[in-house]
Amino acid sequence: MMLNNLRLVLLGVLLTLSSCGYQLIRSDIANDVSFSVPTASNGSSFRGLESQLTQSTRQQLHSLIGAQLKSGSCDYSLELTIRKAQRSARVWSRSGGVNMGMVLLTINYQLFDSSKQKVLDNSISRTQEFLISTGEDTGHAFTEAIADVSQQIVIEIAEYLTNNN
């Protein structure tokens, strides 16, 4: 009797989890797929963000979905563009100093297949707040926003590969 109740509870948990809309990314979905990720274009006044974005996205492609990174002829080419990068002071102290700031990052990306057909074209924006009192700064906030955006890009690529391969 106790074993049957346990089975019913486990079945209920499995049914609940399977209906929640979450889906795991297969870490091997791109094992046999090669990607070229040239250095991102940077349309902002914040220099160096393009190399951070490129490196973060390459790392996420490899670690999250097992993609092979190459230059030249590949199955897919991913083009990244920083459209907007800006910072602002969100909370001012009584003495006129800044207590908390915020950065905004907008990235456009396009994924092309080996025949140069555009298969994905999207824009992702992230805001990241930072506290001056804890030693955080604009650079730290941009680094976190870039990590989040590059992970989102790879998740969207994984979804595309899942649905089209």
N, C-alpha and C. Protein backbone atom coordinates (compact mmCIF):
# COMPACT_ATOMS: atom_id res chain seq x y z
N MET A 1 0.82 -1.21 0.00
CA MET A 1 0.00 0.00 0.00
C MET A 1 0.87 1.27 0.00
N MET A 2 1.89 1.24 0.86
CA MET A 2 2.76 2.41 0.96
C MET A 2 3.51 2.62 -0.36
N LEU A 3 3.94 1.54 -1.01
CA LEU A 3 4.64 1.62 -2.28
C LEU A 3 3.75 2.20 -3.37
N ASN A 4 2.48 1.82 -3.37
CA ASN A 4 1.53 2.36 -4.36
C ASN A 4 1.31 3.85 -4.15
N ASN A 5 1.23 4.27 -2.89
CA ASN A 5 1.07 5.71 -2.61
C ASN A 5 2.29 6.49 -3.07
N LEU A 6 3.46 5.92 -2.83
CA LEU A 6 4.69 6.57 -3.27
C LEU A 6 4.73 6.69 -4.80
N ARG A 7 4.32 5.66 -5.49
CA ARG A 7 4.27 5.69 -6.96
C ARG A 7 3.30 6.76 -7.45
N LEU A 8 2.15 6.87 -6.79
CA LEU A 8 1.17 7.89 -7.18
C LEU A 8 1.72 9.30 -6.96
N VAL A 9 2.41 9.48 -5.84
CA VAL A 9 2.99 10.80 -5.56
C VAL A 9 4.06 11.13 -6.60
N LEU A 10 4.94 10.18 -6.91
CA LEU A 10 5.97 10.42 -7.92
C LEU A 10 5.36 10.69 -9.29
N LEU A 11 4.33 9.95 -9.64
CA LEU A 11 3.65 10.18 -10.91
C LEU A 11 3.05 11.59 -10.95
N GLY A 12 2.46 12.02 -9.87
CA GLY A 12 1.90 13.37 -9.79
C GLY A 12 2.96 14.45 -9.93
N VAL A 13 4.11 14.23 -9.29
CA VAL A 13 5.21 15.19 -9.39
C VAL A 13 5.72 15.26 -10.83
N LEU A 14 5.90 14.09 -11.46
CA LEU A 14 6.36 14.07 -12.84
C LEU A 14 5.38 14.77 -13.78
N LEU A 15 4.10 14.53 -13.61
CA LEU A 15 3.11 15.19 -14.45
C LEU A 15 3.11 16.69 -14.24
N THR A 16 3.26 17.11 -13.00
CA THR A 16 3.30 18.54 -12.69
C THR A 16 4.52 19.20 -13.33
N LEU A 17 5.68 18.58 -13.16
CA LEU A 17 6.90 19.15 -13.72
C LEU A 17 6.89 19.15 -15.24
N SER A 18 6.33 18.14 -15.84
CA SER A 18 6.33 18.08 -17.30
C SER A 18 5.39 19.10 -17.92
N SER A 19 4.47 19.63 -17.16
CA SER A 19 3.52 20.59 -17.71
C SER A 19 3.87 22.03 -17.38
N CYS A 20 5.00 22.27 -16.72
CA CYS A 20 5.31 23.63 -16.28
C CYS A 20 5.89 24.50 -17.39
N GLY A 21 6.24 23.94 -18.54
CA GLY A 21 6.74 24.73 -19.64
C GLY A 21 8.24 24.84 -19.72
N TYR A 22 8.95 24.37 -18.70
CA TYR A 22 10.41 24.39 -18.74
C TYR A 22 10.92 23.23 -19.56
N GLN A 23 12.02 23.47 -20.23
CA GLN A 23 12.63 22.43 -21.03
C GLN A 23 14.13 22.48 -20.80
N LEU A 24 14.73 21.33 -20.60
CA LEU A 24 16.17 21.28 -20.40
C LEU A 24 16.87 21.38 -21.75
N ILE A 25 18.02 22.03 -21.75
CA ILE A 25 18.83 22.11 -22.96
C ILE A 25 19.72 20.88 -23.00
N ARG A 26 19.70 20.20 -24.11
CA ARG A 26 20.61 19.06 -24.27
C ARG A 26 22.01 19.62 -24.48
N SER A 27 22.93 19.20 -23.65
CA SER A 27 24.29 19.73 -23.73
C SER A 27 25.06 19.22 -24.94
N ASP A 28 24.48 18.25 -25.66
CA ASP A 28 25.16 17.71 -26.83
C ASP A 28 24.45 18.05 -28.13
N ILE A 29 23.52 18.98 -28.08
CA ILE A 29 22.70 19.27 -29.27
C ILE A 29 23.53 19.76 -30.45
N ALA A 30 24.67 20.38 -30.17
CA ALA A 30 25.49 20.93 -31.25
C ALA A 30 26.86 20.26 -31.34
N ASN A 31 26.97 19.03 -30.82
CA ASN A 31 28.26 18.33 -30.87
C ASN A 31 28.83 18.23 -32.28
N ASP A 32 27.98 17.99 -33.25
CA ASP A 32 28.43 17.83 -34.64
C ASP A 32 28.17 19.07 -35.48
N VAL A 33 27.96 20.21 -34.82
CA VAL A 33 27.64 21.45 -35.52
C VAL A 33 28.76 22.46 -35.28
N SER A 34 29.23 23.08 -36.35
CA SER A 34 30.30 24.06 -36.22
C SER A 34 29.75 25.48 -36.36
N PHE A 35 30.32 26.37 -35.57
CA PHE A 35 29.91 27.77 -35.55
C PHE A 35 31.12 28.66 -35.75
N SER A 36 30.91 29.74 -36.49
CA SER A 36 31.87 30.82 -36.60
C SER A 36 31.26 32.01 -35.88
N VAL A 37 32.04 32.61 -34.97
CA VAL A 37 31.57 33.78 -34.23
C VAL A 37 32.64 34.86 -34.35
N PRO A 38 32.55 35.68 -35.41
CA PRO A 38 33.53 36.78 -35.54
C PRO A 38 33.33 37.81 -34.43
N THR A 39 34.31 38.63 -34.22
CA THR A 39 34.23 39.66 -33.19
C THR A 39 33.01 40.55 -33.43
N ALA A 40 32.29 40.81 -32.35
CA ALA A 40 31.07 41.61 -32.43
C ALA A 40 31.37 43.03 -32.90
N SER A 41 30.38 43.63 -33.53
CA SER A 41 30.44 45.06 -33.87
C SER A 41 29.97 45.84 -32.66
N ASN A 42 30.54 47.01 -32.47
CA ASN A 42 30.18 47.81 -31.30
C ASN A 42 29.80 49.21 -31.75
N GLY A 43 28.51 49.51 -31.69
CA GLY A 43 28.02 50.82 -32.06
C GLY A 43 27.92 51.78 -30.88
N SER A 44 28.48 51.38 -29.74
CA SER A 44 28.39 52.23 -28.54
C SER A 44 29.72 52.95 -28.31
N SER A 45 29.73 53.82 -27.33
CA SER A 45 30.96 54.53 -26.99
C SER A 45 31.77 53.78 -25.94
N PHE A 46 31.29 52.65 -25.47
CA PHE A 46 32.00 51.84 -24.48
C PHE A 46 32.87 50.82 -25.21
N ARG A 47 34.15 51.08 -25.30
CA ARG A 47 35.07 50.21 -26.01
C ARG A 47 35.42 48.99 -25.17
N GLY A 48 35.63 47.88 -25.84
CA GLY A 48 35.99 46.64 -25.17
C GLY A 48 34.82 45.71 -24.93
N LEU A 49 33.60 46.23 -24.98
CA LEU A 49 32.42 45.39 -24.77
C LEU A 49 32.29 44.34 -25.88
N GLU A 50 32.74 44.70 -27.09
CA GLU A 50 32.62 43.77 -28.21
C GLU A 50 33.44 42.50 -27.99
N SER A 51 34.64 42.64 -27.43
CA SER A 51 35.45 41.45 -27.18
C SER A 51 34.88 40.63 -26.03
N GLN A 52 34.35 41.30 -25.00
CA GLN A 52 33.70 40.58 -23.90
C GLN A 52 32.49 39.79 -24.40
N LEU A 53 31.66 40.42 -25.23
CA LEU A 53 30.48 39.75 -25.77
C LEU A 53 30.87 38.55 -26.63
N THR A 54 31.85 38.74 -27.49
CA THR A 54 32.29 37.66 -28.38
C THR A 54 32.81 36.48 -27.57
N GLN A 55 33.69 36.74 -26.62
CA GLN A 55 34.27 35.67 -25.80
C GLN A 55 33.20 34.97 -24.97
N SER A 56 32.31 35.72 -24.37
CA SER A 56 31.26 35.12 -23.55
C SER A 56 30.33 34.24 -24.39
N THR A 57 29.98 34.71 -25.58
CA THR A 57 29.07 33.93 -26.44
C THR A 57 29.76 32.67 -26.94
N ARG A 58 31.02 32.77 -27.32
CA ARG A 58 31.76 31.57 -27.74
C ARG A 58 31.81 30.55 -26.61
N GLN A 59 32.11 31.02 -25.40
CA GLN A 59 32.21 30.13 -24.26
C GLN A 59 30.87 29.46 -23.97
N GLN A 60 29.78 30.23 -24.06
CA GLN A 60 28.44 29.67 -23.82
C GLN A 60 28.06 28.66 -24.89
N LEU A 61 28.40 28.93 -26.15
CA LEU A 61 28.12 27.98 -27.23
C LEU A 61 28.80 26.64 -26.95
N HIS A 62 30.03 26.71 -26.53
CA HIS A 62 30.78 25.48 -26.27
C HIS A 62 30.28 24.76 -25.02
N SER A 63 30.12 25.50 -23.92
CA SER A 63 29.78 24.84 -22.66
C SER A 63 28.31 24.43 -22.55
N LEU A 64 27.40 25.23 -23.09
CA LEU A 64 25.97 24.90 -22.95
C LEU A 64 25.50 23.86 -23.95
N ILE A 65 25.96 23.95 -25.21
CA ILE A 65 25.42 23.04 -26.22
C ILE A 65 26.49 22.23 -26.96
N GLY A 66 27.74 22.33 -26.54
CA GLY A 66 28.80 21.52 -27.12
C GLY A 66 29.20 21.89 -28.53
N ALA A 67 29.00 23.13 -28.92
CA ALA A 67 29.30 23.56 -30.29
C ALA A 67 30.80 23.55 -30.57
N GLN A 68 31.14 23.25 -31.81
CA GLN A 68 32.52 23.35 -32.28
C GLN A 68 32.71 24.76 -32.84
N LEU A 69 33.73 25.45 -32.38
CA LEU A 69 33.99 26.81 -32.84
C LEU A 69 35.12 26.79 -33.85
N LYS A 70 34.86 27.38 -35.02
CA LYS A 70 35.82 27.42 -36.11
C LYS A 70 35.79 28.79 -36.77
N SER A 71 36.79 29.05 -37.56
CA SER A 71 36.74 30.22 -38.43
C SER A 71 36.65 29.69 -39.86
N GLY A 72 36.14 30.48 -40.74
CA GLY A 72 35.99 30.04 -42.13
C GLY A 72 34.68 29.31 -42.35
N SER A 73 34.73 28.26 -43.13
CA SER A 73 33.52 27.53 -43.52
C SER A 73 32.95 26.74 -42.34
N CYS A 74 31.70 27.03 -42.00
CA CYS A 74 31.04 26.40 -40.85
C CYS A 74 29.58 26.11 -41.18
N ASP A 75 28.95 25.35 -40.31
CA ASP A 75 27.51 25.08 -40.46
C ASP A 75 26.70 26.35 -40.22
N TYR A 76 27.14 27.16 -39.24
CA TYR A 76 26.43 28.39 -38.89
C TYR A 76 27.43 29.50 -38.60
N SER A 77 27.02 30.71 -38.90
CA SER A 77 27.80 31.90 -38.56
C SER A 77 26.92 32.81 -37.72
N LEU A 78 27.44 33.25 -36.58
CA LEU A 78 26.70 34.10 -35.66
C LEU A 78 27.29 35.50 -35.66
N GLU A 79 26.50 36.48 -36.07
CA GLU A 79 26.95 37.87 -36.08
C GLU A 79 26.30 38.62 -34.93
N LEU A 80 27.12 39.28 -34.14
CA LEU A 80 26.68 40.01 -32.95
C LEU A 80 26.94 41.50 -33.13
N THR A 81 25.99 42.32 -32.70
CA THR A 81 26.15 43.77 -32.78
C THR A 81 25.65 44.40 -31.49
N ILE A 82 26.49 45.21 -30.87
CA ILE A 82 26.08 45.98 -29.70
C ILE A 82 25.41 47.24 -30.22
N ARG A 83 24.11 47.34 -30.06
CA ARG A 83 23.35 48.49 -30.56
C ARG A 83 23.32 49.64 -29.56
N LYS A 84 23.24 49.28 -28.28
CA LYS A 84 23.16 50.33 -27.26
C LYS A 84 23.86 49.85 -26.00
N ALA A 85 24.67 50.72 -25.44
CA ALA A 85 25.29 50.49 -24.14
C ALA A 85 25.31 51.85 -23.45
N GLN A 86 24.60 51.94 -22.36
CA GLN A 86 24.57 53.23 -21.66
C GLN A 86 24.50 53.00 -20.16
N ARG A 87 24.89 54.01 -19.41
CA ARG A 87 24.82 53.94 -17.95
C ARG A 87 24.08 55.16 -17.43
N SER A 88 23.53 54.99 -16.26
CA SER A 88 22.84 56.12 -15.62
C SER A 88 22.88 55.95 -14.12
N ALA A 89 22.72 57.05 -13.42
CA ALA A 89 22.64 57.02 -11.96
C ALA A 89 21.17 56.84 -11.58
N ARG A 90 20.90 55.84 -10.78
CA ARG A 90 19.52 55.54 -10.40
C ARG A 90 19.15 56.16 -9.06
N VAL A 91 20.07 56.15 -8.11
CA VAL A 91 19.75 56.65 -6.77
C VAL A 91 20.88 57.57 -6.33
N TRP A 92 20.49 58.78 -5.98
CA TRP A 92 21.46 59.77 -5.53
C TRP A 92 21.42 59.86 -4.01
N SER A 93 22.58 60.09 -3.40
CA SER A 93 22.63 60.27 -1.95
C SER A 93 22.27 61.71 -1.61
N ARG A 94 22.04 61.97 -0.34
CA ARG A 94 21.69 63.33 0.10
C ARG A 94 22.83 64.31 -0.14
N SER A 95 24.05 63.78 -0.15
CA SER A 95 25.20 64.66 -0.36
C SER A 95 25.48 64.90 -1.84
N GLY A 96 24.68 64.29 -2.71
CA GLY A 96 24.84 64.51 -4.14
C GLY A 96 25.60 63.42 -4.86
N GLY A 97 26.10 62.44 -4.14
CA GLY A 97 26.83 61.33 -4.76
C GLY A 97 25.87 60.25 -5.25
N VAL A 98 26.41 59.31 -5.97
CA VAL A 98 25.61 58.22 -6.52
C VAL A 98 25.71 57.01 -5.58
N ASN A 99 24.57 56.45 -5.21
CA ASN A 99 24.54 55.22 -4.41
C ASN A 99 24.38 53.99 -5.29
N MET A 100 23.60 54.12 -6.34
CA MET A 100 23.31 52.99 -7.20
C MET A 100 23.24 53.47 -8.64
N GLY A 101 23.80 52.68 -9.53
CA GLY A 101 23.74 53.00 -10.94
C GLY A 101 23.11 51.87 -11.72
N MET A 102 22.95 52.10 -13.01
CA MET A 102 22.33 51.10 -13.87
C MET A 102 22.98 51.18 -15.24
N VAL A 103 23.14 50.02 -15.87
CA VAL A 103 23.57 49.98 -17.26
C VAL A 103 22.47 49.32 -18.08
N LEU A 104 22.39 49.72 -19.33
CA LEU A 104 21.46 49.15 -20.29
C LEU A 104 22.28 48.65 -21.47
N LEU A 105 22.02 47.42 -21.88
CA LEU A 105 22.74 46.81 -22.98
C LEU A 105 21.74 46.23 -23.96
N THR A 106 21.86 46.59 -25.24
CA THR A 106 21.00 46.04 -26.28
C THR A 106 21.89 45.40 -27.34
N ILE A 107 21.65 44.12 -27.59
CA ILE A 107 22.43 43.34 -28.54
C ILE A 107 21.51 42.84 -29.64
N ASN A 108 21.95 42.98 -30.88
CA ASN A 108 21.27 42.34 -32.01
C ASN A 108 22.14 41.16 -32.42
N TYR A 109 21.48 40.06 -32.79
CA TYR A 109 22.25 38.94 -33.33
C TYR A 109 21.53 38.34 -34.50
N GLN A 110 22.32 37.80 -35.42
CA GLN A 110 21.80 37.12 -36.60
C GLN A 110 22.57 35.82 -36.76
N LEU A 111 21.83 34.74 -37.00
CA LEU A 111 22.43 33.44 -37.24
C LEU A 111 22.18 33.06 -38.69
N PHE A 112 23.27 32.74 -39.39
CA PHE A 112 23.20 32.36 -40.80
C PHE A 112 23.61 30.90 -40.93
N ASP A 113 22.92 30.17 -41.82
CA ASP A 113 23.32 28.79 -42.08
C ASP A 113 24.45 28.77 -43.10
N SER A 114 24.89 27.58 -43.49
CA SER A 114 26.05 27.46 -44.38
C SER A 114 25.80 28.03 -45.77
N SER A 115 24.54 28.17 -46.15
CA SER A 115 24.23 28.77 -47.46
C SER A 115 23.98 30.28 -47.34
N LYS A 116 24.33 30.85 -46.20
CA LYS A 116 24.22 32.29 -45.92
C LYS A 116 22.77 32.77 -45.77
N GLN A 117 21.85 31.84 -45.54
CA GLN A 117 20.46 32.21 -45.29
C GLN A 117 20.31 32.57 -43.81
N LYS A 118 19.64 33.70 -43.55
CA LYS A 118 19.42 34.12 -42.17
C LYS A 118 18.34 33.23 -41.56
N VAL A 119 18.68 32.55 -40.46
CA VAL A 119 17.72 31.65 -39.82
C VAL A 119 17.22 32.19 -38.48
N LEU A 120 17.97 33.10 -37.88
CA LEU A 120 17.54 33.78 -36.66
C LEU A 120 17.96 35.24 -36.74
N ASP A 121 17.10 36.11 -36.25
CA ASP A 121 17.40 37.55 -36.23
C ASP A 121 16.64 38.11 -35.04
N ASN A 122 17.37 38.53 -34.01
CA ASN A 122 16.70 38.94 -32.78
C ASN A 122 17.49 40.05 -32.09
N SER A 123 16.81 40.72 -31.19
CA SER A 123 17.41 41.76 -30.37
C SER A 123 17.09 41.44 -28.91
N ILE A 124 18.09 41.58 -28.05
CA ILE A 124 17.92 41.30 -26.63
C ILE A 124 18.44 42.49 -25.85
N SER A 125 17.66 42.95 -24.88
CA SER A 125 18.09 44.06 -24.01
C SER A 125 18.11 43.59 -22.56
N ARG A 126 19.08 44.08 -21.83
CA ARG A 126 19.18 43.78 -20.41
C ARG A 126 19.58 45.05 -19.67
N THR A 127 19.02 45.20 -18.48
CA THR A 127 19.47 46.24 -17.57
C THR A 127 20.11 45.54 -16.37
N GLN A 128 21.11 46.18 -15.83
CA GLN A 128 21.81 45.62 -14.67
C GLN A 128 22.12 46.77 -13.72
N GLU A 129 21.68 46.63 -12.50
CA GLU A 129 21.95 47.65 -11.49
C GLU A 129 23.23 47.31 -10.74
N PHE A 130 23.89 48.33 -10.20
CA PHE A 130 25.09 48.10 -9.40
C PHE A 130 25.12 49.07 -8.24
N LEU A 131 25.67 48.60 -7.12
CA LEU A 131 25.78 49.39 -5.90
C LEU A 131 27.22 49.87 -5.72
N ILE A 132 27.38 51.16 -5.64
CA ILE A 132 28.70 51.75 -5.47
C ILE A 132 29.27 51.34 -4.12
N SER A 133 28.43 51.28 -3.10
CA SER A 133 28.89 50.99 -1.74
C SER A 133 29.50 49.60 -1.59
N THR A 134 29.18 48.69 -2.48
CA THR A 134 29.74 47.33 -2.40
C THR A 134 30.92 47.14 -3.34
N GLY A 135 31.36 48.22 -3.96
CA GLY A 135 32.52 48.14 -4.85
C GLY A 135 32.18 47.82 -6.29
N GLU A 136 30.90 47.66 -6.59
CA GLU A 136 30.51 47.40 -7.98
C GLU A 136 30.62 48.69 -8.78
N ASP A 137 30.80 48.52 -10.08
CA ASP A 137 30.90 49.68 -10.96
C ASP A 137 30.29 49.35 -12.32
N THR A 138 30.40 50.29 -13.23
CA THR A 138 29.83 50.13 -14.57
C THR A 138 30.40 48.90 -15.27
N GLY A 139 31.71 48.70 -15.17
CA GLY A 139 32.34 47.56 -15.82
C GLY A 139 31.80 46.24 -15.32
N HIS A 140 31.64 46.14 -14.01
CA HIS A 140 31.09 44.92 -13.41
C HIS A 140 29.66 44.68 -13.90
N ALA A 141 28.87 45.73 -13.96
CA ALA A 141 27.48 45.60 -14.41
C ALA A 141 27.41 45.19 -15.87
N PHE A 142 28.26 45.78 -16.73
CA PHE A 142 28.27 45.38 -18.14
C PHE A 142 28.70 43.91 -18.29
N THR A 143 29.66 43.48 -17.50
CA THR A 143 30.11 42.08 -17.57
C THR A 143 28.96 41.13 -17.23
N GLU A 144 28.20 41.45 -16.20
CA GLU A 144 27.05 40.60 -15.83
C GLU A 144 25.97 40.63 -16.91
N ALA A 145 25.70 41.81 -17.47
CA ALA A 145 24.68 41.92 -18.51
C ALA A 145 25.10 41.13 -19.76
N ILE A 146 26.38 41.20 -20.11
CA ILE A 146 26.89 40.47 -21.27
C ILE A 146 26.77 38.97 -21.05
N ALA A 147 27.11 38.49 -19.86
CA ALA A 147 26.99 37.06 -19.56
C ALA A 147 25.54 36.60 -19.71
N ASP A 148 24.61 37.41 -19.23
CA ASP A 148 23.19 37.07 -19.31
C ASP A 148 22.71 37.06 -20.76
N VAL A 149 23.10 38.07 -21.53
CA VAL A 149 22.68 38.16 -22.94
C VAL A 149 23.27 37.01 -23.76
N SER A 150 24.54 36.71 -23.57
CA SER A 150 25.15 35.63 -24.35
C SER A 150 24.52 34.29 -24.03
N GLN A 151 24.17 34.08 -22.77
CA GLN A 151 23.47 32.84 -22.41
C GLN A 151 22.10 32.78 -23.08
N GLN A 152 21.39 33.88 -23.12
CA GLN A 152 20.08 33.92 -23.77
C GLN A 152 20.20 33.65 -25.27
N ILE A 153 21.21 34.20 -25.90
CA ILE A 153 21.43 33.96 -27.33
C ILE A 153 21.63 32.47 -27.59
N VAL A 154 22.45 31.83 -26.79
CA VAL A 154 22.73 30.40 -26.98
C VAL A 154 21.49 29.56 -26.69
N ILE A 155 20.69 29.95 -25.72
CA ILE A 155 19.44 29.23 -25.44
C ILE A 155 18.52 29.31 -26.66
N GLU A 156 18.44 30.48 -27.28
CA GLU A 156 17.60 30.64 -28.47
C GLU A 156 18.15 29.84 -29.65
N ILE A 157 19.47 29.77 -29.78
CA ILE A 157 20.07 28.94 -30.83
C ILE A 157 19.77 27.47 -30.57
N ALA A 158 19.87 27.04 -29.32
CA ALA A 158 19.57 25.64 -28.97
C ALA A 158 18.12 25.30 -29.30
N GLU A 159 17.22 26.24 -29.03
CA GLU A 159 15.81 26.01 -29.37
C GLU A 159 15.64 25.86 -30.89
N TYR A 160 16.34 26.72 -31.63
CA TYR A 160 16.29 26.62 -33.10
C TYR A 160 16.81 25.26 -33.56
N LEU A 161 17.96 24.85 -33.05
CA LEU A 161 18.55 23.57 -33.45
C LEU A 161 17.63 22.40 -33.08
N THR A 162 17.01 22.47 -31.92
CA THR A 162 16.09 21.42 -31.49
C THR A 162 14.91 21.30 -32.45
N ASN A 163 14.38 22.42 -32.89
CA ASN A 163 13.19 22.41 -33.73
C ASN A 163 13.48 22.23 -35.21
N ASN A 164 14.74 22.37 -35.63
CA ASN A 164 15.04 22.35 -37.07
C ASN A 164 16.10 21.33 -37.47
N ASN A 165 16.51 20.48 -36.59
CA ASN A 165 17.49 19.44 -36.95
C ASN A 165 16.94 18.07 -36.64
